[in-house]
Amino acid sequence: MSDPEAQAEQTVRDAISAPDAEGVPRRTTRRFPLFTRDTARPEGGGRAAPGDAPAPARQWPILLVLALVALGLLLTALDVVRIGTLLIGFALVAGAVIRWVLPDVGMLAVRSRFTDIVTYGGLGLAIVLLAMMMQPHPWLQIPFLKDTLHYTVSSS
């Protein structure tokens, strides 16, 4: 069975083995290959609009998130720092919600659905909370943070 053509004709019933681009099974073992030849598309990585739609319409989820982040960065550069930073955080949270709700989100799908939602949502929430605690005159005050800061600074 050292002949490659004979191996290609062999039917593989292994759950881990997968066919190549031509549909021919290449691996007949459960061992992982020494070199990775290809990567799987993330779930939900299909087009967000039909294939005959123009390119921007097919990738509207990532374009929406990027446009909101760009607007937030512009506001931050124009010295409206708190609102700009909040907009950046809300854009990431919106990306997490879009990733959760829609089955196909195009290039917004980077990893698995769960990982994308946790990453976008966690980073977005952290940015929003930090923007709300920004000095001067924070909109959100967490009392134990001030005590923790005074303890750490005074004890050193």
Protein backbone atom coordinates (compact mmCIF):
# COMPACT_ATOMS: atom_id res chain seq x y z
CA MET A 1 0.00 0.00 0.00
CA SER A 2 2.92 2.37 -0.57
CA ASP A 3 1.46 3.42 -3.94
CA PRO A 4 -0.08 6.94 -3.59
CA GLU A 5 -2.79 6.23 -6.18
CA ALA A 6 -3.90 3.13 -4.28
CA GLN A 7 -4.07 5.16 -1.07
CA ALA A 8 -6.11 7.88 -2.83
CA GLU A 9 -8.70 5.32 -3.97
CA GLN A 10 -9.06 3.94 -0.47
CA THR A 11 -12.22 5.01 1.35
CA VAL A 12 -11.52 6.63 4.67
CA ARG A 13 -14.18 6.22 7.34
CA ASP A 14 -12.19 7.91 10.06
CA ALA A 15 -13.90 10.91 11.69
CA ILE A 16 -10.68 12.91 11.84
CA SER A 17 -9.55 12.27 8.27
CA ALA A 18 -10.82 14.75 5.71
CA PRO A 19 -10.80 14.88 1.91
CA ASP A 20 -8.51 17.31 0.07
CA ALA A 21 -9.66 19.92 -2.45
CA GLU A 22 -10.49 17.25 -5.06
CA GLY A 23 -12.50 15.22 -2.54
CA VAL A 24 -9.92 12.45 -2.25
CA PRO A 25 -9.11 11.31 1.30
CA ARG A 26 -5.43 11.81 2.00
CA ARG A 27 -4.93 10.58 5.53
CA THR A 28 -5.74 7.05 6.56
CA THR A 29 -4.48 7.50 10.10
CA ARG A 30 -5.70 9.35 13.17
CA ARG A 31 -2.31 10.97 13.64
CA PHE A 32 -2.08 14.65 12.85
CA PRO A 33 0.05 15.55 9.83
CA LEU A 34 3.57 16.84 10.33
CA PHE A 35 2.87 19.93 8.22
CA THR A 36 -0.46 21.77 8.05
CA ARG A 37 -1.47 22.28 4.43
CA ASP A 38 -4.70 24.23 4.90
CA THR A 39 -6.90 25.76 7.57
CA ALA A 40 -10.62 25.43 7.95
CA ARG A 41 -12.80 28.49 7.54
CA PRO A 42 -14.36 29.63 10.81
CA GLU A 43 -18.00 28.73 11.28
CA GLY A 44 -20.11 31.63 10.04
CA GLY A 45 -17.31 32.72 7.71
CA GLY A 46 -19.55 32.63 4.64
CA ARG A 47 -20.80 35.70 2.84
CA ALA A 48 -23.22 37.94 4.75
CA ALA A 49 -25.05 38.69 1.49
CA PRO A 50 -25.63 36.73 -1.75
CA GLY A 51 -22.63 36.11 -3.99
CA ASP A 52 -23.92 38.39 -6.77
CA ALA A 53 -24.02 41.39 -4.39
CA PRO A 54 -21.13 43.88 -4.57
CA ALA A 55 -18.16 43.23 -2.28
CA PRO A 56 -19.04 45.85 0.38
CA ALA A 57 -22.55 44.45 0.71
CA ARG A 58 -21.19 40.94 1.23
CA GLN A 59 -18.95 42.11 4.09
CA TRP A 60 -21.27 44.61 5.79
CA PRO A 61 -20.78 43.25 9.36
CA ILE A 62 -17.02 43.90 9.47
CA LEU A 63 -17.44 47.20 7.61
CA LEU A 64 -20.02 48.37 10.17
CA VAL A 65 -17.74 47.53 13.11
CA LEU A 66 -14.70 49.11 11.42
CA ALA A 67 -16.66 52.26 10.52
CA LEU A 68 -17.79 52.69 14.14
CA VAL A 69 -14.24 52.15 15.41
CA ALA A 70 -12.91 54.67 12.86
CA LEU A 71 -15.51 57.21 13.95
CA GLY A 72 -14.56 56.60 17.59
CA LEU A 73 -10.87 57.09 16.77
CA LEU A 74 -11.69 60.31 14.91
CA LEU A 75 -13.67 61.64 17.89
CA THR A 76 -10.80 60.68 20.19
CA ALA A 77 -8.35 62.56 17.94
CA LEU A 78 -10.66 65.59 18.00
CA ASP A 79 -10.40 65.63 21.82
CA VAL A 80 -13.82 64.10 22.52
CA VAL A 81 -12.00 61.25 24.23
CA ARG A 82 -14.72 59.76 26.42
CA ILE A 83 -17.37 59.61 23.68
CA GLY A 84 -14.86 58.30 21.12
CA THR A 85 -13.65 55.57 23.46
CA LEU A 86 -17.22 54.61 24.35
CA LEU A 87 -18.01 54.34 20.64
CA ILE A 88 -15.03 52.03 20.10
CA GLY A 89 -16.19 49.80 22.97
CA PHE A 90 -19.78 49.77 21.74
CA ALA A 91 -18.55 48.87 18.23
CA LEU A 92 -16.83 45.76 19.61
CA VAL A 93 -19.90 44.82 21.66
CA ALA A 94 -22.00 45.29 18.50
CA GLY A 95 -19.58 42.97 16.68
CA ALA A 96 -20.12 40.34 19.39
CA VAL A 97 -23.91 40.67 19.10
CA ILE A 98 -23.78 40.45 15.29
CA ARG A 99 -21.54 37.36 15.54
CA TRP A 100 -24.01 35.78 17.98
CA VAL A 101 -27.20 36.56 16.05
CA LEU A 102 -26.28 36.07 12.38
CA PRO A 103 -25.28 32.70 10.92
CA ASP A 104 -22.94 34.17 8.26
CA VAL A 105 -20.94 37.30 9.03
CA GLY A 106 -18.16 37.17 6.45
CA MET A 107 -14.78 38.44 7.60
CA LEU A 108 -16.10 39.25 11.08
CA ALA A 109 -15.77 35.51 11.74
CA VAL A 110 -12.14 35.00 12.70
CA ARG A 111 -12.25 32.04 15.07
CA SER A 112 -15.04 29.84 16.39
CA ARG A 113 -18.32 31.58 17.17
CA PHE A 114 -17.82 31.22 20.94
CA THR A 115 -14.27 32.59 20.86
CA ASP A 116 -15.26 35.55 18.68
CA ILE A 117 -18.19 36.46 20.92
CA VAL A 118 -16.12 36.23 24.10
CA THR A 119 -13.21 38.18 22.57
CA TYR A 120 -15.26 40.96 20.97
CA GLY A 121 -17.65 41.23 23.90
CA GLY A 122 -14.98 41.08 26.61
CA LEU A 123 -12.71 43.65 25.01
CA GLY A 124 -15.65 45.92 24.15
CA LEU A 125 -17.02 45.74 27.70
CA ALA A 126 -13.59 46.47 29.18
CA ILE A 127 -13.16 49.51 26.92
CA VAL A 128 -16.64 50.80 27.81
CA LEU A 129 -16.00 50.40 31.55
CA LEU A 130 -12.61 52.11 31.32
CA ALA A 131 -14.13 54.98 29.33
CA MET A 132 -16.83 55.42 31.98
CA MET A 133 -14.19 55.53 34.76
CA MET A 134 -12.00 58.02 32.87
CA GLN A 135 -10.85 61.09 34.81
CA PRO A 136 -11.84 63.89 35.34
CA HIS A 137 -15.43 63.49 36.53
CA PRO A 138 -15.91 59.74 35.99
CA TRP A 139 -19.40 58.55 35.09
CA LEU A 140 -18.80 55.29 36.97
CA GLN A 141 -17.07 55.06 40.33
CA ILE A 142 -16.12 51.73 41.83
CA PRO A 143 -15.31 52.36 45.52
CA PHE A 144 -12.97 49.41 46.14
CA LEU A 145 -10.69 50.47 43.27
CA LYS A 146 -9.86 53.75 45.02
CA ASP A 147 -9.15 51.92 48.29
CA THR A 148 -6.99 49.37 46.46
CA LEU A 149 -4.98 52.11 44.77
CA HIS A 150 -4.41 53.96 48.07
CA TYR A 151 -3.37 50.72 49.78
CA THR A 152 -0.89 49.80 47.05
CA VAL A 153 0.62 53.26 46.80
CA SER A 154 0.87 53.86 50.57
CA SER A 155 2.35 50.43 51.39
CA SER A 156 5.34 50.77 49.07
